[in-house]
N, C-alpha and C. Protein backbone atom coordinates (compact mmCIF):
# COMPACT_ATOMS: atom_id res chain seq x y z
N MET A 1 137.59 77.38 291.70
CA MET A 1 139.01 77.85 291.13
C MET A 1 138.89 78.56 290.26
N PHE A 2 139.54 79.85 290.01
CA PHE A 2 140.35 80.98 289.26
C PHE A 2 141.72 80.99 288.51
N ASP A 3 141.48 81.42 287.42
CA ASP A 3 142.74 81.34 286.49
C ASP A 3 144.11 82.80 286.77
N ALA A 4 144.95 83.06 286.68
CA ALA A 4 145.64 84.09 286.94
C ALA A 4 144.73 85.53 286.77
N ALA A 5 143.74 85.81 285.95
CA ALA A 5 142.73 87.06 285.38
C ALA A 5 142.13 87.16 286.52
N GLY A 6 141.73 86.12 287.22
CA GLY A 6 140.60 85.96 287.97
C GLY A 6 139.32 85.24 287.43
N ASN A 7 139.32 84.71 286.17
CA ASN A 7 138.10 84.39 285.88
C ASN A 7 138.06 82.74 286.39
N VAL A 8 136.80 82.52 286.60
CA VAL A 8 136.18 81.49 287.18
C VAL A 8 136.54 80.43 286.46
N VAL A 9 137.00 79.30 286.85
CA VAL A 9 137.37 77.94 285.68
C VAL A 9 136.50 77.05 286.14
N GLY A 10 135.89 76.71 287.57
CA GLY A 10 135.24 75.91 288.04
C GLY A 10 134.93 76.08 289.37
N LEU A 11 133.98 75.44 289.88
CA LEU A 11 133.04 75.60 290.76
C LEU A 11 132.41 74.50 291.72
N SER A 12 132.32 74.33 292.79
CA SER A 12 131.68 73.48 293.56
C SER A 12 131.06 74.09 294.82
N PHE A 13 130.07 73.95 295.57
CA PHE A 13 129.53 74.21 296.15
C PHE A 13 128.31 73.27 296.97
N TRP A 14 128.02 72.07 296.36
CA TRP A 14 126.45 71.34 297.16
C TRP A 14 127.28 69.90 297.42
N GLU A 15 128.80 69.64 296.89
CA GLU A 15 128.78 68.49 297.07
C GLU A 15 129.70 68.25 298.25
N GLN A 16 129.67 67.16 298.72
CA GLN A 16 130.95 66.33 300.09
C GLN A 16 131.32 65.09 299.83
N ALA A 17 132.38 65.14 299.32
CA ALA A 17 133.50 66.02 299.39
C ALA A 17 133.88 67.08 297.97
N GLU A 18 133.68 68.42 298.28
CA GLU A 18 133.43 69.57 297.31
C GLU A 18 134.90 68.75 296.11
N GLN A 19 134.16 69.14 294.96
CA GLN A 19 135.52 68.64 294.04
C GLN A 19 135.31 69.03 292.21
N VAL A 20 136.31 69.28 291.98
CA VAL A 20 136.41 70.32 290.79
C VAL A 20 137.28 69.45 289.86
N ARG A 21 136.99 69.24 288.80
CA ARG A 21 137.76 68.21 287.79
C ARG A 21 137.77 69.21 286.55
N LEU A 22 139.17 70.02 286.28
CA LEU A 22 139.47 70.82 284.91
C LEU A 22 140.48 69.90 284.12
N THR A 23 139.93 70.51 282.71
CA THR A 23 140.46 69.42 281.96
C THR A 23 141.11 70.40 280.88
N TYR A 24 142.23 70.05 280.07
CA TYR A 24 142.67 70.98 278.96
C TYR A 24 143.27 72.41 279.41
N LEU A 25 143.89 72.81 280.69
CA LEU A 25 144.03 74.01 280.89
C LEU A 25 144.75 74.20 280.53
N PRO A 26 145.06 76.01 280.26
CA PRO A 26 146.10 76.66 279.66
C PRO A 26 147.35 76.47 280.77
N ILE A 27 148.60 76.56 280.25
CA ILE A 27 149.79 76.44 281.02
C ILE A 27 149.58 77.81 281.70
N GLY A 28 149.77 78.14 283.39
CA GLY A 28 149.99 79.35 284.14
C GLY A 28 149.55 78.50 285.57
N ARG A 29 149.25 79.92 286.29
CA ARG A 29 148.50 79.62 288.02
C ARG A 29 147.47 79.98 287.65
N TYR A 30 146.88 78.89 288.87
CA TYR A 30 145.70 78.84 289.40
C TYR A 30 145.28 79.13 290.67
N PHE A 31 144.06 79.74 291.13
CA PHE A 31 143.94 79.77 292.25
C PHE A 31 142.64 79.05 293.02
N LEU A 32 142.81 78.82 294.17
CA LEU A 32 141.47 78.04 294.75
C LEU A 32 141.31 79.23 295.68
N ALA A 33 139.81 79.32 296.13
CA ALA A 33 139.44 80.35 297.10
C ALA A 33 138.38 78.91 297.52
N VAL A 34 138.86 79.11 299.07
CA VAL A 34 137.71 77.99 300.18
C VAL A 34 137.22 79.04 301.06
N ASP A 35 135.55 78.51 300.90
CA ASP A 35 134.65 79.86 302.19
C ASP A 35 133.32 78.70 302.34
N GLU A 36 133.31 79.16 303.78
CA GLU A 36 132.21 78.52 304.42
C GLU A 36 131.16 78.69 304.28
N PHE A 37 130.13 77.81 303.70
CA PHE A 37 128.74 78.01 302.96
C PHE A 37 128.01 77.39 304.02
N ALA A 38 127.64 78.45 304.63
CA ALA A 38 126.28 77.81 305.88
C ALA A 38 125.46 79.18 306.26
N ALA A 39 124.27 78.87 306.75
CA ALA A 39 123.41 79.94 307.03
C ALA A 39 124.06 80.53 308.31
N THR A 40 124.56 80.00 309.00
CA THR A 40 125.20 79.91 310.51
C THR A 40 126.35 79.19 310.44
N PRO A 41 127.66 80.75 310.60
CA PRO A 41 129.02 80.57 310.56
C PRO A 41 129.35 79.84 311.32
N ALA A 42 130.07 79.04 311.27
CA ALA A 42 130.83 77.97 312.64
C ALA A 42 131.45 79.30 313.55
N PRO A 43 131.20 78.80 314.75
CA PRO A 43 131.56 79.83 315.38
C PRO A 43 133.30 79.80 316.37
N THR A 44 133.75 78.35 315.21
CA THR A 44 135.15 77.65 315.51
C THR A 44 135.68 77.65 314.10
N PRO A 45 137.29 77.47 313.84
CA PRO A 45 137.29 77.07 312.34
C PRO A 45 137.16 76.06 312.45
N VAL A 46 137.18 75.57 310.95
CA VAL A 46 136.50 74.47 310.46
C VAL A 46 138.03 73.79 310.03
N ALA A 47 138.41 73.02 310.03
CA ALA A 47 139.29 72.37 309.61
C ALA A 47 139.39 71.49 308.17
N TYR A 48 139.97 72.04 306.86
CA TYR A 48 139.93 71.41 305.60
C TYR A 48 140.94 70.91 305.28
N THR A 49 141.26 70.18 304.33
CA THR A 49 142.01 69.59 303.23
C THR A 49 142.04 69.74 302.08
N ILE A 50 143.38 70.19 301.39
CA ILE A 50 142.74 70.25 299.97
C ILE A 50 143.67 69.34 299.39
N GLU A 51 143.40 68.86 297.98
CA GLU A 51 143.96 67.80 297.38
C GLU A 51 144.22 68.31 295.82
N VAL A 52 145.27 67.88 295.55
CA VAL A 52 145.31 68.33 293.74
C VAL A 52 146.19 67.46 292.93
N GLN A 53 145.58 66.79 292.14
CA GLN A 53 146.53 65.88 291.27
C GLN A 53 146.10 66.71 289.70
N ARG A 54 147.75 66.01 289.11
CA ARG A 54 147.58 66.65 288.41
C ARG A 54 148.07 65.69 286.99
N THR A 55 147.18 65.40 286.15
CA THR A 55 147.29 64.14 285.37
C THR A 55 148.06 64.85 283.75
N THR A 56 148.44 63.76 283.11
CA THR A 56 149.56 64.90 281.64
C THR A 56 148.78 63.94 280.63
N GLY A 57 148.20 64.03 279.56
CA GLY A 57 147.94 63.66 278.44
C GLY A 57 147.73 64.41 277.00
N ALA A 58 147.21 63.80 275.98
CA ALA A 58 146.89 64.77 274.80
C ALA A 58 145.75 66.11 275.09
N GLY A 59 146.52 66.90 274.51
CA GLY A 59 145.56 68.34 274.52
C GLY A 59 144.28 68.40 273.48
N CYS A 60 143.67 68.99 273.75
CA CYS A 60 142.00 69.19 273.02
C CYS A 60 142.41 69.71 271.85
N THR A 61 141.56 68.68 270.54
CA THR A 61 141.94 69.14 269.32
C THR A 61 140.52 69.68 268.49
N SER A 62 139.97 70.00 269.45
CA SER A 62 138.22 70.69 269.25
C SER A 62 137.78 70.95 270.01
N ALA A 63 136.45 71.82 269.70
CA ALA A 63 135.57 72.27 270.86
C ALA A 63 134.95 71.81 271.99
N ALA A 64 135.03 70.43 271.07
CA ALA A 64 134.00 69.66 271.51
C ALA A 64 134.77 68.75 272.73
N ASN A 65 136.09 68.48 272.50
CA ASN A 65 136.47 67.99 273.81
C ASN A 65 136.54 69.41 274.97
N CYS A 66 136.59 70.76 274.93
CA CYS A 66 136.54 71.85 275.68
C CYS A 66 134.74 71.55 276.73
N ALA A 67 134.32 70.76 275.90
CA ALA A 67 132.65 70.93 276.40
C ALA A 67 132.55 69.34 277.09
N SER A 68 132.93 68.34 276.81
CA SER A 68 133.05 66.98 277.37
C SER A 68 133.50 67.19 278.46
N GLU A 69 133.92 67.95 279.56
CA GLU A 69 133.77 67.68 280.99
C GLU A 69 132.73 68.99 281.63
N TYR A 70 131.97 68.67 282.00
CA TYR A 70 130.96 70.18 282.37
C TYR A 70 130.11 69.78 283.81
N ARG A 71 130.90 68.89 284.29
CA ARG A 71 130.16 69.07 285.90
C ARG A 71 130.81 70.08 286.78
N ASN A 72 131.64 70.61 286.87
CA ASN A 72 132.19 71.66 287.64
C ASN A 72 132.77 72.44 286.92
N GLN A 73 133.45 72.28 285.74
CA GLN A 73 134.05 73.36 284.72
C GLN A 73 133.59 74.23 284.27
N VAL A 74 133.56 75.50 283.95
CA VAL A 74 133.19 76.39 283.45
C VAL A 74 133.66 76.57 282.20
N TYR A 75 132.73 76.33 280.81
CA TYR A 75 133.04 76.11 279.46
C TYR A 75 133.75 77.17 279.25
N ARG A 76 134.82 77.07 278.20
CA ARG A 76 136.05 77.59 277.59
C ARG A 76 135.73 77.32 276.32
N GLY A 77 135.36 77.97 275.16
CA GLY A 77 135.12 77.32 274.02
C GLY A 77 135.80 77.32 272.78
N ARG A 78 137.34 77.66 272.91
CA ARG A 78 137.77 77.69 271.93
C ARG A 78 139.05 76.67 272.16
N CYS A 79 139.33 75.72 271.35
CA CYS A 79 140.05 74.42 271.36
C CYS A 79 141.92 75.65 270.70
N ALA A 80 142.66 75.95 271.33
CA ALA A 80 143.93 76.82 270.40
C ALA A 80 144.86 75.58 271.45
N ALA A 81 146.01 75.09 270.74
CA ALA A 81 147.21 74.86 270.88
C ALA A 81 147.46 73.69 271.93
N GLY A 82 145.87 72.53 271.99
CA GLY A 82 145.66 71.63 272.74
C GLY A 82 145.51 72.14 274.08
N SER A 83 144.91 73.64 274.79
CA SER A 83 143.90 74.05 275.73
C SER A 83 142.89 74.61 274.92
N CYS A 84 142.31 74.28 276.10
CA CYS A 84 140.77 75.06 276.08
C CYS A 84 140.55 76.65 276.71
N ILE A 85 140.26 77.65 275.82
CA ILE A 85 140.64 78.71 276.12
C ILE A 85 139.10 79.47 276.05
N GLN A 86 139.00 80.76 276.58
CA GLN A 86 137.74 81.81 276.23
C GLN A 86 137.70 81.93 274.60
N ILE A 87 136.59 81.96 274.42
CA ILE A 87 136.58 82.43 272.72
C ILE A 87 137.06 84.37 272.32
N ASN A 88 136.84 85.01 274.01
CA ASN A 88 137.25 86.66 273.34
C ASN A 88 136.93 87.24 271.93
N GLY A 89 135.28 86.92 271.66
CA GLY A 89 134.53 87.26 270.39
C GLY A 89 134.79 88.61 270.16
N ASP A 90 134.67 89.45 271.41
CA ASP A 90 135.07 91.02 271.75
C ASP A 90 133.49 91.43 270.67
N GLY A 91 132.60 90.99 271.04
CA GLY A 91 131.42 91.55 270.33
C GLY A 91 130.66 91.62 268.74
N GLU A 92 131.71 90.27 268.16
CA GLU A 92 131.59 90.29 267.09
C GLU A 92 131.08 89.21 266.56
N VAL A 93 130.61 88.38 267.23
CA VAL A 93 130.40 86.81 266.84
C VAL A 93 128.71 86.65 266.67
N ALA A 94 128.57 86.76 265.22
CA ALA A 94 127.10 86.75 264.59
C ALA A 94 126.21 85.71 264.86
N GLN A 95 125.14 85.87 264.72
CA GLN A 95 124.13 84.82 265.16
C GLN A 95 124.34 83.71 264.58
N GLY A 96 124.15 82.49 265.70
CA GLY A 96 124.70 81.27 265.35
C GLY A 96 125.86 80.82 265.52
N GLY A 97 126.88 81.78 266.12
CA GLY A 97 128.49 81.75 265.95
C GLY A 97 128.59 81.14 267.70
N ALA A 98 129.72 80.44 267.64
CA ALA A 98 129.82 79.86 268.89
C ALA A 98 130.39 80.72 270.21
N CYS A 99 129.69 81.07 271.08
CA CYS A 99 129.84 81.79 272.65
C CYS A 99 130.34 80.73 273.75
N ASP A 100 131.08 82.03 274.67
CA ASP A 100 131.35 81.70 275.89
C ASP A 100 130.68 82.27 276.78
N SER A 101 130.47 83.97 276.46
CA SER A 101 130.22 85.15 277.35
C SER A 101 129.31 85.79 276.39
N GLU A 102 128.73 86.63 277.47
CA GLU A 102 128.10 87.32 276.92
C GLU A 102 128.36 88.46 276.10
N SER A 103 129.93 89.10 276.17
CA SER A 103 130.53 89.78 275.35
C SER A 103 131.23 89.45 274.39
N ASP A 104 131.01 87.96 273.89
CA ASP A 104 131.32 87.36 272.59
C ASP A 104 130.44 88.03 271.15
N CYS A 105 129.07 88.04 271.55
CA CYS A 105 128.47 88.14 270.61
C CYS A 105 128.32 89.91 269.93
N ALA A 106 127.42 89.84 269.01
CA ALA A 106 127.20 90.96 268.52
C ALA A 106 126.37 91.62 268.92
N ALA A 107 125.60 93.49 268.84
CA ALA A 107 124.75 93.81 269.76
C ALA A 107 123.73 92.78 269.22
N GLY A 108 122.86 93.15 269.98
CA GLY A 108 121.21 92.46 269.77
C GLY A 108 121.62 90.97 269.78
N LEU A 109 122.51 90.32 270.55
CA LEU A 109 122.57 88.90 270.72
C LEU A 109 122.90 88.86 271.81
N SER A 110 122.72 87.41 272.39
CA SER A 110 122.98 86.85 273.51
C SER A 110 123.62 85.88 273.76
N CYS A 111 124.43 85.23 274.69
CA CYS A 111 124.91 84.28 274.79
C CYS A 111 124.32 83.24 276.02
N PRO A 112 123.94 82.08 275.72
CA PRO A 112 123.04 81.40 277.25
C PRO A 112 124.01 81.50 278.17
N ASP A 113 125.50 80.92 277.70
CA ASP A 113 126.78 81.52 279.13
C ASP A 113 126.10 80.45 280.27
N PHE A 114 125.49 79.22 280.00
CA PHE A 114 124.77 78.54 281.22
C PHE A 114 126.31 77.73 281.52
N PHE A 115 125.92 77.35 282.96
CA PHE A 115 127.21 76.68 283.82
C PHE A 115 126.80 75.25 283.71
N PHE A 116 127.80 73.95 283.35
CA PHE A 116 127.76 73.08 283.64
C PHE A 116 126.36 72.49 282.91
N VAL A 117 126.71 72.85 281.68
CA VAL A 117 125.56 72.11 280.61
C VAL A 117 126.65 71.08 279.18
N ALA A 118 125.69 70.14 279.25
CA ALA A 118 125.98 68.93 277.98
C ALA A 118 126.22 69.70 277.04
N ASP A 119 127.45 69.20 276.00
CA ASP A 119 127.20 69.96 274.70
C ASP A 119 127.64 71.04 274.50
N ALA A 120 127.65 72.06 274.96
CA ALA A 120 127.88 73.37 275.30
C ALA A 120 128.49 74.03 273.77
N ASP A 121 129.24 72.96 273.49
CA ASP A 121 130.32 73.47 272.23
C ASP A 121 129.11 73.99 270.87
N THR A 122 127.99 72.70 271.00
CA THR A 122 126.59 73.09 270.12
C THR A 122 125.45 73.95 270.98
N ARG A 123 125.49 73.89 271.97
CA ARG A 123 124.61 74.74 272.57
C ARG A 123 124.54 76.16 272.90
N GLU A 124 125.90 76.54 272.96
CA GLU A 124 126.45 78.28 273.17
C GLU A 124 126.83 78.53 272.19
N THR A 125 125.83 79.17 272.11
CA THR A 125 125.76 80.24 270.46
C THR A 125 124.99 81.36 270.65
N CYS A 126 125.37 82.35 269.90
CA CYS A 126 125.00 83.72 270.16
C CYS A 126 123.26 83.80 269.32
N ALA A 127 122.46 84.54 269.98
CA ALA A 127 121.08 84.11 269.57
C ALA A 127 120.64 85.49 269.88
N PRO A 128 119.11 85.75 269.27
CA PRO A 128 117.90 86.77 269.44
C PRO A 128 117.28 86.63 270.50
N ALA A 129 117.30 87.77 271.10
CA ALA A 129 115.92 87.83 271.92
C ALA A 129 114.75 87.25 271.37
N CYS A 130 113.81 86.89 272.27
CA CYS A 130 112.79 86.43 271.55
C CYS A 130 111.54 86.58 272.57
N ALA A 131 110.22 86.34 272.17
CA ALA A 131 109.06 86.19 273.25
C ALA A 131 108.47 84.94 272.86
N GLU A 132 108.35 84.36 271.84
CA GLU A 132 107.80 83.04 271.34
C GLU A 132 108.97 82.15 270.37
N ASP A 133 108.25 80.63 270.84
CA ASP A 133 109.41 79.89 269.94
C ASP A 133 109.01 80.39 268.41
N SER A 134 108.24 81.16 268.10
CA SER A 134 107.89 81.49 266.25
C SER A 134 109.14 82.22 266.13
N GLU A 135 109.92 83.09 266.97
CA GLU A 135 110.92 83.87 266.59
C GLU A 135 112.20 83.73 266.35
N CYS A 136 112.22 81.84 266.79
CA CYS A 136 113.63 81.39 266.93
C CYS A 136 113.86 80.21 265.46
N GLY A 137 114.56 79.82 265.15
CA GLY A 137 114.88 78.89 264.40
C GLY A 137 115.20 77.52 264.23
N ALA A 138 114.72 76.80 263.45
CA ALA A 138 114.61 75.56 263.34
C ALA A 138 115.17 74.70 264.50
N ASP A 139 114.92 74.00 265.03
CA ASP A 139 115.17 73.11 266.26
C ASP A 139 115.55 74.35 267.57
N GLN A 140 115.10 75.06 267.17
CA GLN A 140 115.21 75.98 268.63
C GLN A 140 113.98 76.59 269.32
N VAL A 141 113.80 77.25 270.76
CA VAL A 141 112.87 77.02 271.54
C VAL A 141 113.42 78.68 271.98
N CYS A 142 112.11 79.27 272.52
CA CYS A 142 113.03 80.74 273.09
C CYS A 142 112.64 79.93 274.75
N THR A 143 113.41 80.55 275.58
CA THR A 143 113.63 80.06 277.00
C THR A 143 112.31 80.77 277.62
N THR A 144 112.09 80.46 278.95
CA THR A 144 110.59 81.40 279.82
C THR A 144 111.07 81.72 280.57
N TYR A 145 112.34 81.80 281.21
CA TYR A 145 112.63 81.45 282.40
C TYR A 145 113.54 83.04 282.91
N TYR A 146 113.65 83.77 281.95
CA TYR A 146 114.39 84.99 282.39
C TYR A 146 113.95 86.24 282.16
N ALA A 147 114.19 87.36 282.79
CA ALA A 147 113.19 88.68 282.41
C ALA A 147 113.62 89.06 280.75
N GLU A 148 114.76 88.89 280.07
CA GLU A 148 114.60 89.01 278.75
C GLU A 148 115.40 87.86 278.19
N ASN A 149 114.39 86.63 277.56
CA ASN A 149 114.46 85.64 276.87
C ASN A 149 115.37 85.76 275.62
N PHE A 150 115.93 84.37 275.01
CA PHE A 150 116.33 84.84 274.28
C PHE A 150 116.51 83.12 273.53
N CYS A 151 117.17 83.02 272.05
CA CYS A 151 116.70 81.55 271.31
C CYS A 151 117.57 80.73 271.91
N VAL A 152 117.24 79.24 272.33
CA VAL A 152 118.40 78.11 272.71
C VAL A 152 118.13 76.84 271.57
N PRO A 153 118.80 76.15 271.44
CA PRO A 153 118.55 74.56 270.71
C PRO A 153 117.96 73.94 271.75
N ARG A 154 116.65 73.38 270.87
CA ARG A 154 116.05 71.90 272.24
C ARG A 154 116.47 71.38 272.81
N CYS A 155 116.19 71.21 274.11
CA CYS A 155 117.04 70.22 275.26
C CYS A 155 116.75 68.73 274.44
N THR A 156 117.56 67.52 274.92
CA THR A 156 117.29 66.42 274.85
C THR A 156 117.36 65.48 275.64
N THR A 157 118.50 66.27 276.76
CA THR A 157 118.32 65.81 278.14
C THR A 157 118.77 66.96 279.46
N ASP A 158 118.24 66.25 280.73
CA ASP A 158 118.58 67.41 281.68
C ASP A 158 119.49 68.15 281.93
N ASP A 159 120.77 67.63 281.12
CA ASP A 159 122.13 68.22 281.65
C ASP A 159 122.25 69.12 280.36
N HIS A 160 120.85 69.45 279.33
CA HIS A 160 121.31 70.60 278.43
C HIS A 160 121.04 72.00 279.35
N CYS A 161 119.97 71.60 280.27
CA CYS A 161 119.37 72.68 280.90
C CYS A 161 119.97 73.26 281.80
N PRO A 162 119.64 74.71 282.26
CA PRO A 162 120.31 75.53 283.13
C PRO A 162 120.71 75.23 284.34
N THR A 163 121.55 75.66 285.17
CA THR A 163 121.95 75.53 286.49
C THR A 163 121.11 76.72 287.33
N SER A 164 121.29 76.09 288.43
CA SER A 164 120.87 77.61 289.75
C SER A 164 122.05 77.37 290.87
N LEU A 165 122.96 78.32 290.44
CA LEU A 165 124.05 78.05 291.41
C LEU A 165 123.79 78.25 292.94
N GLY A 166 122.99 79.34 293.42
CA GLY A 166 122.35 79.52 294.80
C GLY A 166 121.48 78.57 295.30
N ASP A 167 120.77 77.71 294.37
CA ASP A 167 119.54 76.96 294.88
C ASP A 167 119.94 75.20 295.47
N ALA A 168 119.76 75.01 296.43
CA ALA A 168 120.10 73.54 296.81
C ALA A 168 119.52 72.47 296.04
N PRO A 169 120.12 71.57 295.31
CA PRO A 169 119.69 70.18 294.76
C PRO A 169 119.50 69.39 295.06
N GLU A 170 118.23 68.18 294.75
CA GLU A 170 118.10 67.18 295.65
C GLU A 170 119.16 66.42 295.51
N THR A 171 119.96 66.27 294.27
CA THR A 171 121.11 65.45 294.22
C THR A 171 122.52 66.24 293.92
N PRO A 172 123.56 66.34 294.29
CA PRO A 172 124.77 67.26 293.76
C PRO A 172 124.99 66.61 292.41
N PRO A 173 125.93 67.72 291.58
CA PRO A 173 125.94 68.76 291.57
C PRO A 173 125.44 70.20 292.35
N TRP A 174 124.19 69.79 291.31
CA TRP A 174 123.59 71.20 291.16
C TRP A 174 122.03 71.00 290.95
N TYR A 175 121.51 72.20 290.94
CA TYR A 175 119.92 72.36 291.26
C TYR A 175 120.02 72.68 289.44
N ARG A 176 118.92 71.64 288.67
CA ARG A 176 119.07 72.19 287.32
C ARG A 176 117.82 71.97 286.91
N LEU A 177 117.62 73.08 285.75
CA LEU A 177 115.92 72.43 285.20
C LEU A 177 115.68 71.00 284.66
N SER A 178 114.48 70.55 284.60
CA SER A 178 114.69 69.49 283.23
C SER A 178 113.93 69.84 282.34
N CYS A 179 114.12 69.10 281.75
CA CYS A 179 114.06 69.14 280.00
C CYS A 179 112.77 68.20 279.46
N ASP A 180 111.74 68.88 279.31
CA ASP A 180 110.56 68.12 278.32
C ASP A 180 111.52 68.10 277.37
N VAL A 181 111.46 66.92 277.06
CA VAL A 181 111.82 66.14 275.97
C VAL A 181 110.72 66.76 274.47
N PRO A 182 109.85 66.28 274.67
CA PRO A 182 108.59 66.61 273.75
C PRO A 182 108.58 67.87 273.22
N SER A 183 108.66 68.81 274.10
CA SER A 183 108.86 70.37 273.43
C SER A 183 110.07 70.83 273.55
N GLY A 184 111.45 70.18 273.83
CA GLY A 184 112.27 70.65 273.85
C GLY A 184 112.73 71.66 274.75
N ARG A 185 111.92 72.19 275.71
CA ARG A 185 112.23 72.99 276.69
C ARG A 185 112.45 72.72 277.74
N CYS A 186 113.40 73.76 278.11
CA CYS A 186 113.70 73.58 279.67
C CYS A 186 112.97 74.00 280.78
N MET A 187 112.65 73.42 282.08
CA MET A 187 111.32 73.85 282.90
C MET A 187 111.81 73.83 284.03
């Protein structure tokens, strides 16, 4: 699912039937792309059905509302006028400030920008690069699964850990690293 500017707002790859639940969307146009996802493409067209259900309700009141739905929705970290929108920090967000994309953070800082993680409103913060935990603040650990690692809040559940969109999960919707609760690390 895309917004009118072409930004991804939701994804579904591994579920049968595929589904995306989007919440607190700003008024506007949205687009759905459907693609065959198979090692060997079907030799004939594959029939499919698209269903859309719109429900109305109260708008968001905080970034926590924007983080509450994370199964297939991309985090948009700012609540404005009842809608969740991108933060657009323009490279000026300081260490510890909320982010939802790398471009939000000041020079030398990274945004985890993990897809589909619980509590993104408190976990997606601009953080410095690191090589070990001692370089991070209290209640933070250094990631160990990237070419360039950075500090992140300690995990307390598997849903705090990054997903891999390209790896098939044991159970849908996503393949996810596991949280080692005693260390607070995603493994």
